[in-house]
């Protein structure tokens, strides 16, 4: 069984206080960098702290939305990285508050183009669908088109 995703802060790096997400990627464990919005959601809104386990559905959603990334890309985009994640078979179950806040986050960010369909499918196939309309999640091109339409109407 793969160890579930959890929050990590490197104790040896006194100058950096970054919160990371340690998760199984392929056959190894990797530490993903979290965006400021994801850290704020987890720490400020949901009161997670190191070394709390993060529900897998949330971790995968953050990866697909671009809020959790490998420090060095190595050719992987968000969709490719999400396909290689492990840890769905155990860990912490997402609470209602976890799912509500994650849904709000997903509806407010610009999702990378290649990740839109896999993220919408994740929402449909999980309890996130109770709190988030998959069609309310948009990618960058959809947001640009909406802004263009608004500008044209002005």
N, C-alpha and C. Protein backbone atom coordinates (compact mmCIF):
# COMPACT_ATOMS: atom_id res chain seq x y z
N UNK A 1 0.84 -1.18 0.00
CA UNK A 1 0.00 0.00 0.00
C UNK A 1 0.89 1.25 0.00
N UNK A 2 0.55 2.21 -0.83
CA UNK A 2 1.30 3.45 -0.94
C UNK A 2 0.97 4.37 0.22
N UNK A 3 1.97 5.03 0.76
CA UNK A 3 1.77 5.99 1.84
C UNK A 3 0.96 7.17 1.30
N UNK A 4 -0.06 7.63 2.03
CA UNK A 4 -0.90 8.72 1.53
C UNK A 4 -0.15 10.04 1.46
N UNK A 5 -0.67 10.97 0.65
CA UNK A 5 -0.02 12.29 0.55
C UNK A 5 -0.09 13.03 1.89
N UNK A 6 0.98 13.74 2.21
CA UNK A 6 0.97 14.53 3.45
C UNK A 6 1.79 15.80 3.27
N UNK A 7 1.55 16.74 4.16
CA UNK A 7 2.27 18.01 4.13
C UNK A 7 3.66 17.83 4.72
N UNK A 8 4.61 18.54 4.15
CA UNK A 8 6.00 18.39 4.55
C UNK A 8 6.66 19.76 4.55
N UNK A 9 7.50 19.98 5.54
CA UNK A 9 8.33 21.19 5.60
C UNK A 9 9.73 20.73 5.94
N UNK A 10 10.70 21.07 5.12
CA UNK A 10 12.07 20.61 5.30
C UNK A 10 12.69 21.26 6.53
N UNK A 11 13.04 20.45 7.54
CA UNK A 11 13.60 21.02 8.77
C UNK A 11 15.01 21.56 8.61
N UNK A 12 15.72 21.15 7.55
CA UNK A 12 17.10 21.60 7.35
C UNK A 12 17.21 22.94 6.64
N UNK A 13 16.14 23.38 6.04
CA UNK A 13 16.18 24.64 5.31
C UNK A 13 15.58 25.76 6.16
N UNK A 14 16.41 26.36 6.98
CA UNK A 14 15.93 27.42 7.87
C UNK A 14 15.50 28.66 7.10
N UNK A 15 16.13 28.91 5.97
CA UNK A 15 15.81 30.12 5.22
C UNK A 15 14.52 29.98 4.42
N UNK A 16 14.11 28.74 4.15
CA UNK A 16 12.87 28.52 3.41
C UNK A 16 11.85 27.87 4.33
N UNK A 17 10.67 28.42 4.34
CA UNK A 17 9.61 27.90 5.19
C UNK A 17 8.46 27.39 4.33
N UNK A 18 8.79 26.90 3.13
CA UNK A 18 7.76 26.45 2.21
C UNK A 18 7.12 25.15 2.66
N UNK A 19 5.82 25.12 2.55
CA UNK A 19 5.07 23.91 2.81
C UNK A 19 4.99 23.13 1.50
N UNK A 20 5.30 21.85 1.54
CA UNK A 20 5.31 21.00 0.36
C UNK A 20 4.31 19.87 0.55
N UNK A 21 3.94 19.24 -0.54
CA UNK A 21 3.08 18.06 -0.50
C UNK A 21 3.91 16.87 -0.92
N UNK A 22 4.14 15.95 0.03
CA UNK A 22 4.89 14.74 -0.29
C UNK A 22 3.89 13.67 -0.73
N UNK A 23 4.12 13.12 -1.92
CA UNK A 23 3.17 12.19 -2.52
C UNK A 23 3.91 11.18 -3.39
N UNK A 24 3.30 10.02 -3.57
CA UNK A 24 3.88 9.00 -4.44
C UNK A 24 3.68 9.42 -5.90
N UNK A 25 4.79 9.44 -6.63
CA UNK A 25 4.75 9.72 -8.06
C UNK A 25 5.51 8.58 -8.72
N UNK A 26 4.78 7.75 -9.44
CA UNK A 26 5.41 6.56 -10.00
C UNK A 26 5.84 5.64 -8.87
N UNK A 27 7.10 5.24 -8.91
CA UNK A 27 7.60 4.31 -7.88
C UNK A 27 8.37 5.02 -6.78
N UNK A 28 8.35 6.35 -6.75
CA UNK A 28 9.09 7.07 -5.71
C UNK A 28 8.18 8.11 -5.05
N UNK A 29 8.68 8.70 -3.97
CA UNK A 29 7.97 9.79 -3.31
C UNK A 29 8.60 11.10 -3.73
N UNK A 30 7.77 12.07 -4.03
CA UNK A 30 8.26 13.38 -4.46
C UNK A 30 7.62 14.46 -3.61
N UNK A 31 8.28 15.58 -3.54
CA UNK A 31 7.76 16.74 -2.81
C UNK A 31 7.33 17.79 -3.83
N UNK A 32 6.04 18.06 -3.85
CA UNK A 32 5.49 19.02 -4.80
C UNK A 32 5.40 20.39 -4.15
N UNK A 33 5.72 21.41 -4.93
CA UNK A 33 5.57 22.78 -4.46
C UNK A 33 4.10 23.16 -4.56
N UNK A 34 3.61 23.87 -3.55
CA UNK A 34 2.22 24.31 -3.52
C UNK A 34 2.13 25.80 -3.80
N UNK A 35 1.11 26.18 -4.56
CA UNK A 35 0.90 27.60 -4.82
C UNK A 35 0.48 28.29 -3.52
N UNK A 36 0.63 29.59 -3.49
CA UNK A 36 0.22 30.36 -2.30
C UNK A 36 -1.26 30.16 -2.00
N UNK A 37 -2.09 30.07 -3.05
CA UNK A 37 -3.53 29.87 -2.85
C UNK A 37 -3.83 28.53 -2.20
N UNK A 38 -3.12 27.48 -2.63
CA UNK A 38 -3.34 26.16 -2.06
C UNK A 38 -2.88 26.13 -0.60
N UNK A 39 -1.73 26.74 -0.33
CA UNK A 39 -1.24 26.80 1.06
C UNK A 39 -2.25 27.55 1.92
N UNK A 40 -2.75 28.67 1.44
CA UNK A 40 -3.73 29.45 2.20
C UNK A 40 -4.99 28.62 2.44
N UNK A 41 -5.45 27.92 1.43
CA UNK A 41 -6.64 27.08 1.57
C UNK A 41 -6.41 26.01 2.64
N UNK A 42 -5.29 25.31 2.54
CA UNK A 42 -5.02 24.22 3.48
C UNK A 42 -4.75 24.71 4.90
N UNK A 43 -3.89 25.71 5.03
CA UNK A 43 -3.44 26.15 6.36
C UNK A 43 -4.42 27.13 7.00
N UNK A 44 -4.76 28.18 6.28
CA UNK A 44 -5.60 29.23 6.86
C UNK A 44 -7.07 28.83 6.94
N UNK A 45 -7.60 28.26 5.86
CA UNK A 45 -9.03 27.95 5.82
C UNK A 45 -9.36 26.62 6.50
N UNK A 46 -8.56 25.59 6.22
CA UNK A 46 -8.89 24.25 6.71
C UNK A 46 -8.05 23.81 7.91
N UNK A 47 -7.10 24.64 8.31
CA UNK A 47 -6.26 24.41 9.50
C UNK A 47 -5.43 23.13 9.45
N UNK A 48 -4.94 22.81 8.26
CA UNK A 48 -4.00 21.70 8.13
C UNK A 48 -2.63 22.21 8.59
N UNK A 49 -1.80 21.30 9.04
CA UNK A 49 -0.41 21.63 9.37
C UNK A 49 0.46 20.42 9.10
N UNK A 50 1.75 20.65 9.06
CA UNK A 50 2.68 19.56 8.85
C UNK A 50 2.62 18.63 10.05
N UNK A 51 2.54 17.37 9.95
CA UNK A 51 2.60 16.46 8.81
C UNK A 51 1.23 15.87 8.44
N UNK A 52 0.17 16.69 8.47
CA UNK A 52 -1.18 16.18 8.20
C UNK A 52 -1.27 15.50 6.85
N UNK A 53 -2.07 14.44 6.81
CA UNK A 53 -2.37 13.74 5.56
C UNK A 53 -3.41 14.56 4.80
N UNK A 54 -3.19 14.71 3.50
CA UNK A 54 -4.11 15.43 2.63
C UNK A 54 -4.91 14.38 1.86
N UNK A 55 -6.24 14.47 1.85
CA UNK A 55 -7.02 13.50 1.09
C UNK A 55 -6.56 13.44 -0.37
N UNK A 56 -6.48 12.21 -0.88
CA UNK A 56 -5.95 12.01 -2.23
C UNK A 56 -6.74 12.79 -3.28
N UNK A 57 -8.06 12.84 -3.16
CA UNK A 57 -8.86 13.54 -4.16
C UNK A 57 -8.48 15.02 -4.21
N UNK A 58 -8.17 15.60 -3.06
CA UNK A 58 -7.75 16.99 -3.04
C UNK A 58 -6.37 17.16 -3.65
N UNK A 59 -5.45 16.27 -3.28
CA UNK A 59 -4.09 16.34 -3.83
C UNK A 59 -4.12 16.24 -5.35
N UNK A 60 -4.89 15.31 -5.87
CA UNK A 60 -4.97 15.15 -7.33
C UNK A 60 -5.61 16.37 -7.99
N UNK A 61 -6.64 16.92 -7.35
CA UNK A 61 -7.28 18.12 -7.89
C UNK A 61 -6.30 19.29 -7.92
N UNK A 62 -5.49 19.44 -6.86
CA UNK A 62 -4.51 20.52 -6.84
C UNK A 62 -3.48 20.35 -7.96
N UNK A 63 -3.06 19.12 -8.20
CA UNK A 63 -2.10 18.86 -9.27
C UNK A 63 -2.71 19.22 -10.62
N UNK A 64 -3.91 18.72 -10.89
CA UNK A 64 -4.55 18.98 -12.18
C UNK A 64 -4.83 20.46 -12.40
N UNK A 65 -5.13 21.19 -11.33
CA UNK A 65 -5.42 22.63 -11.45
C UNK A 65 -4.16 23.48 -11.50
N UNK A 66 -2.99 22.86 -11.34
CA UNK A 66 -1.74 23.61 -11.41
C UNK A 66 -1.29 24.19 -10.09
N UNK A 67 -1.94 23.83 -8.98
CA UNK A 67 -1.59 24.37 -7.67
C UNK A 67 -0.57 23.55 -6.90
N UNK A 68 -0.21 22.37 -7.43
CA UNK A 68 0.83 21.52 -6.83
C UNK A 68 1.68 21.01 -7.98
N UNK A 69 2.95 21.40 -7.98
CA UNK A 69 3.81 21.09 -9.12
C UNK A 69 5.16 20.55 -8.67
N UNK A 70 5.79 19.82 -9.57
CA UNK A 70 7.16 19.38 -9.31
C UNK A 70 8.08 20.59 -9.44
N UNK A 71 9.08 20.71 -8.57
CA UNK A 71 9.99 21.85 -8.66
C UNK A 71 10.70 21.90 -10.03
N UNK A 72 11.09 20.74 -10.52
CA UNK A 72 11.68 20.66 -11.86
C UNK A 72 10.68 19.94 -12.73
N UNK A 73 10.28 20.54 -13.80
CA UNK A 73 9.20 20.00 -14.63
C UNK A 73 9.58 18.70 -15.31
N UNK A 74 10.73 18.59 -15.92
CA UNK A 74 11.14 17.36 -16.57
C UNK A 74 10.22 16.91 -17.68
N UNK A 75 9.51 17.82 -18.33
CA UNK A 75 8.64 17.47 -19.43
C UNK A 75 7.23 17.09 -19.02
N UNK A 76 7.00 16.88 -17.73
CA UNK A 76 5.66 16.53 -17.27
C UNK A 76 4.78 17.77 -17.18
N UNK A 77 3.58 17.68 -17.74
CA UNK A 77 2.61 18.73 -17.45
C UNK A 77 1.69 18.23 -16.35
N UNK A 78 0.71 19.00 -15.98
CA UNK A 78 -0.15 18.67 -14.86
C UNK A 78 -0.89 17.34 -15.08
N UNK A 79 -1.37 17.13 -16.29
CA UNK A 79 -2.12 15.90 -16.58
C UNK A 79 -1.22 14.67 -16.48
N UNK A 80 -0.03 14.75 -17.04
CA UNK A 80 0.91 13.62 -16.97
C UNK A 80 1.28 13.31 -15.53
N UNK A 81 1.54 14.35 -14.75
CA UNK A 81 1.89 14.16 -13.34
C UNK A 81 0.73 13.50 -12.58
N UNK A 82 -0.49 13.97 -12.82
CA UNK A 82 -1.66 13.43 -12.12
C UNK A 82 -1.84 11.94 -12.42
N UNK A 83 -1.55 11.52 -13.64
CA UNK A 83 -1.69 10.10 -14.01
C UNK A 83 -0.69 9.23 -13.26
N UNK A 84 0.44 9.80 -12.87
CA UNK A 84 1.48 9.02 -12.19
C UNK A 84 1.35 9.04 -10.67
N UNK A 85 0.36 9.75 -10.13
CA UNK A 85 0.19 9.83 -8.68
C UNK A 85 -0.26 8.49 -8.11
N UNK A 86 0.19 8.21 -6.88
CA UNK A 86 -0.24 7.03 -6.15
C UNK A 86 -0.76 7.42 -4.79
N UNK A 87 -1.47 6.52 -4.15
CA UNK A 87 -1.94 6.79 -2.80
C UNK A 87 -3.43 6.86 -2.65
N UNK A 88 -4.16 6.52 -3.71
CA UNK A 88 -5.62 6.61 -3.64
C UNK A 88 -6.22 5.54 -2.75
N UNK A 89 -5.45 4.52 -2.41
CA UNK A 89 -6.00 3.39 -1.69
C UNK A 89 -6.03 3.57 -0.17
N UNK A 90 -5.63 4.69 0.33
CA UNK A 90 -5.66 4.87 1.78
C UNK A 90 -5.48 6.32 2.16
N UNK A 91 -5.51 6.58 3.43
CA UNK A 91 -5.28 7.93 3.91
C UNK A 91 -6.53 8.54 4.50
N UNK A 92 -6.56 9.84 4.53
CA UNK A 92 -7.62 10.61 5.16
C UNK A 92 -8.77 10.82 4.17
N UNK A 93 -9.99 10.70 4.66
CA UNK A 93 -11.15 11.00 3.83
C UNK A 93 -11.42 12.49 3.89
N UNK A 94 -11.81 13.05 2.78
CA UNK A 94 -12.10 14.48 2.71
C UNK A 94 -13.40 14.79 3.46
N UNK A 95 -13.34 15.80 4.30
CA UNK A 95 -14.53 16.25 5.02
C UNK A 95 -15.38 17.13 4.10
N UNK A 96 -16.57 17.44 4.55
CA UNK A 96 -17.43 18.34 3.78
C UNK A 96 -16.74 19.69 3.59
N UNK A 97 -16.13 20.22 4.64
CA UNK A 97 -15.42 21.50 4.53
C UNK A 97 -14.26 21.40 3.54
N UNK A 98 -13.52 20.29 3.57
CA UNK A 98 -12.42 20.08 2.61
C UNK A 98 -12.94 20.17 1.18
N UNK A 99 -14.04 19.48 0.93
CA UNK A 99 -14.59 19.41 -0.42
C UNK A 99 -15.18 20.75 -0.86
N UNK A 100 -15.86 21.44 0.05
CA UNK A 100 -16.43 22.75 -0.28
C UNK A 100 -15.34 23.74 -0.66
N UNK A 101 -14.30 23.83 0.14
CA UNK A 101 -13.22 24.79 -0.13
C UNK A 101 -12.45 24.41 -1.39
N UNK A 102 -12.22 23.12 -1.60
CA UNK A 102 -11.53 22.69 -2.81
C UNK A 102 -12.38 23.01 -4.04
N UNK A 103 -13.67 22.80 -3.95
CA UNK A 103 -14.57 23.13 -5.06
C UNK A 103 -14.53 24.62 -5.38
N UNK A 104 -14.56 25.45 -4.36
CA UNK A 104 -14.46 26.91 -4.57
C UNK A 104 -13.15 27.26 -5.26
N UNK A 105 -12.08 26.64 -4.81
CA UNK A 105 -10.76 26.87 -5.42
C UNK A 105 -10.79 26.48 -6.89
N UNK A 106 -11.32 25.30 -7.20
CA UNK A 106 -11.32 24.82 -8.59
C UNK A 106 -12.14 25.72 -9.50
N UNK A 107 -13.21 26.27 -8.98
CA UNK A 107 -14.05 27.15 -9.80
C UNK A 107 -13.45 28.54 -9.97
N UNK A 108 -12.44 28.87 -9.18
CA UNK A 108 -11.87 30.22 -9.25
C UNK A 108 -10.53 30.30 -9.97
N UNK A 109 -9.90 29.16 -10.25
CA UNK A 109 -8.59 29.20 -10.89
C UNK A 109 -8.70 28.90 -12.39
N UNK A 110 -7.68 29.30 -13.11
CA UNK A 110 -7.57 28.97 -14.52
C UNK A 110 -6.79 27.67 -14.64
N UNK A 111 -7.47 26.65 -15.06
CA UNK A 111 -6.89 25.31 -15.15
C UNK A 111 -6.09 25.21 -16.45
N UNK A 112 -4.92 24.59 -16.41
CA UNK A 112 -4.16 24.37 -17.65
C UNK A 112 -5.02 23.60 -18.67
N UNK A 113 -4.91 23.99 -19.94
CA UNK A 113 -5.77 23.46 -20.99
C UNK A 113 -5.85 21.94 -21.02
N UNK A 114 -4.70 21.26 -20.99
CA UNK A 114 -4.69 19.79 -21.10
C UNK A 114 -5.26 19.11 -19.87
N UNK A 115 -5.41 19.83 -18.78
CA UNK A 115 -5.92 19.24 -17.53
C UNK A 115 -7.41 19.40 -17.34
N UNK A 116 -8.05 20.21 -18.16
CA UNK A 116 -9.46 20.52 -17.94
C UNK A 116 -10.34 19.27 -17.93
N UNK A 117 -10.27 18.45 -18.96
CA UNK A 117 -11.12 17.26 -19.02
C UNK A 117 -10.82 16.27 -17.90
N UNK A 118 -9.55 15.94 -17.62
CA UNK A 118 -9.30 15.03 -16.50
C UNK A 118 -9.78 15.59 -15.15
N UNK A 119 -9.68 16.90 -14.96
CA UNK A 119 -10.15 17.50 -13.71
C UNK A 119 -11.67 17.44 -13.62
N UNK A 120 -12.35 17.74 -14.72
CA UNK A 120 -13.80 17.64 -14.73
C UNK A 120 -14.24 16.20 -14.45
N UNK A 121 -13.53 15.22 -14.99
CA UNK A 121 -13.85 13.82 -14.74
C UNK A 121 -13.61 13.46 -13.27
N UNK A 122 -12.53 13.97 -12.68
CA UNK A 122 -12.27 13.74 -11.27
C UNK A 122 -13.42 14.28 -10.42
N UNK A 123 -13.89 15.47 -10.75
CA UNK A 123 -15.00 16.07 -10.02
C UNK A 123 -16.26 15.20 -10.16
N UNK A 124 -16.56 14.79 -11.38
CA UNK A 124 -17.75 13.96 -11.62
C UNK A 124 -17.69 12.63 -10.87
N UNK A 125 -16.51 12.04 -10.78
CA UNK A 125 -16.39 10.69 -10.24
C UNK A 125 -16.11 10.65 -8.73
N UNK A 126 -16.07 11.80 -8.09
CA UNK A 126 -15.78 11.86 -6.66
C UNK A 126 -16.85 12.70 -5.96
N UNK A 127 -16.73 12.78 -4.65
CA UNK A 127 -17.66 13.61 -3.87
C UNK A 127 -17.51 15.09 -4.16
N UNK A 128 -16.43 15.48 -4.85
CA UNK A 128 -16.29 16.89 -5.24
C UNK A 128 -17.48 17.34 -6.08
N UNK A 129 -18.07 16.40 -6.82
CA UNK A 129 -19.21 16.71 -7.66
C UNK A 129 -20.43 17.18 -6.89
N UNK A 130 -20.50 16.90 -5.59
CA UNK A 130 -21.59 17.39 -4.76
C UNK A 130 -21.47 18.89 -4.50
N UNK A 131 -20.27 19.43 -4.66
CA UNK A 131 -20.01 20.81 -4.29
C UNK A 131 -19.55 21.67 -5.47
N UNK A 132 -19.32 21.03 -6.60
CA UNK A 132 -18.72 21.74 -7.74
C UNK A 132 -19.35 21.24 -9.03
N UNK A 133 -19.79 22.15 -9.86
CA UNK A 133 -20.28 21.80 -11.18
C UNK A 133 -19.06 21.66 -12.09
N UNK A 134 -18.82 20.49 -12.65
CA UNK A 134 -17.64 20.31 -13.50
C UNK A 134 -17.57 21.31 -14.64
N UNK A 135 -18.74 21.73 -15.14
CA UNK A 135 -18.76 22.70 -16.24
C UNK A 135 -18.42 24.11 -15.78
N UNK A 136 -18.40 24.35 -14.46
CA UNK A 136 -18.02 25.66 -13.93
C UNK A 136 -16.51 25.82 -13.86
N UNK A 137 -15.80 24.72 -14.05
CA UNK A 137 -14.33 24.77 -14.07
C UNK A 137 -13.92 25.16 -15.48
N UNK A 138 -13.04 26.12 -15.59
CA UNK A 138 -12.67 26.57 -16.93
C UNK A 138 -11.16 26.60 -17.10
N UNK A 139 -10.75 26.47 -18.34
CA UNK A 139 -9.33 26.55 -18.64
C UNK A 139 -8.99 27.97 -19.08
N UNK A 140 -7.74 28.20 -19.34
CA UNK A 140 -7.28 29.55 -19.68
C UNK A 140 -7.93 30.08 -20.95
N UNK A 141 -8.09 29.23 -21.94
CA UNK A 141 -8.65 29.72 -23.21
C UNK A 141 -10.12 30.12 -23.03
N UNK A 142 -10.87 29.39 -22.21
CA UNK A 142 -12.27 29.76 -21.96
C UNK A 142 -12.35 31.11 -21.26
N UNK A 143 -11.48 31.34 -20.29
CA UNK A 143 -11.50 32.63 -19.58
C UNK A 143 -11.11 33.77 -20.51
N UNK A 144 -10.14 33.56 -21.36
CA UNK A 144 -9.74 34.60 -22.31
C UNK A 144 -10.90 34.91 -23.25
N UNK A 145 -11.58 33.88 -23.74
CA UNK A 145 -12.71 34.09 -24.63
C UNK A 145 -13.84 34.85 -23.94
N UNK A 146 -14.11 34.52 -22.66
CA UNK A 146 -15.14 35.24 -21.92
C UNK A 146 -14.76 36.70 -21.74
N UNK A 147 -13.50 36.95 -21.41
CA UNK A 147 -13.05 38.34 -21.25
C UNK A 147 -13.14 39.09 -22.57
N UNK A 148 -12.80 38.42 -23.66
CA UNK A 148 -12.90 39.05 -24.98
C UNK A 148 -14.36 39.40 -25.29
N UNK A 149 -15.29 38.50 -24.95
CA UNK A 149 -16.70 38.78 -25.17
C UNK A 149 -17.18 39.97 -24.34
N UNK A 150 -16.72 40.04 -23.10
CA UNK A 150 -17.10 41.17 -22.24
C UNK A 150 -16.57 42.47 -22.82
N UNK A 151 -15.30 42.46 -23.26
CA UNK A 151 -14.70 43.66 -23.84
C UNK A 151 -15.45 44.09 -25.11
N UNK A 152 -15.83 43.11 -25.90
CA UNK A 152 -16.56 43.41 -27.14
C UNK A 152 -17.92 44.05 -26.83
N UNK A 153 -18.58 43.57 -25.76
CA UNK A 153 -19.88 44.11 -25.39
C UNK A 153 -19.80 45.52 -24.84
N UNK A 154 -18.63 45.91 -24.36
CA UNK A 154 -18.46 47.27 -23.82
C UNK A 154 -18.35 48.22 -24.98
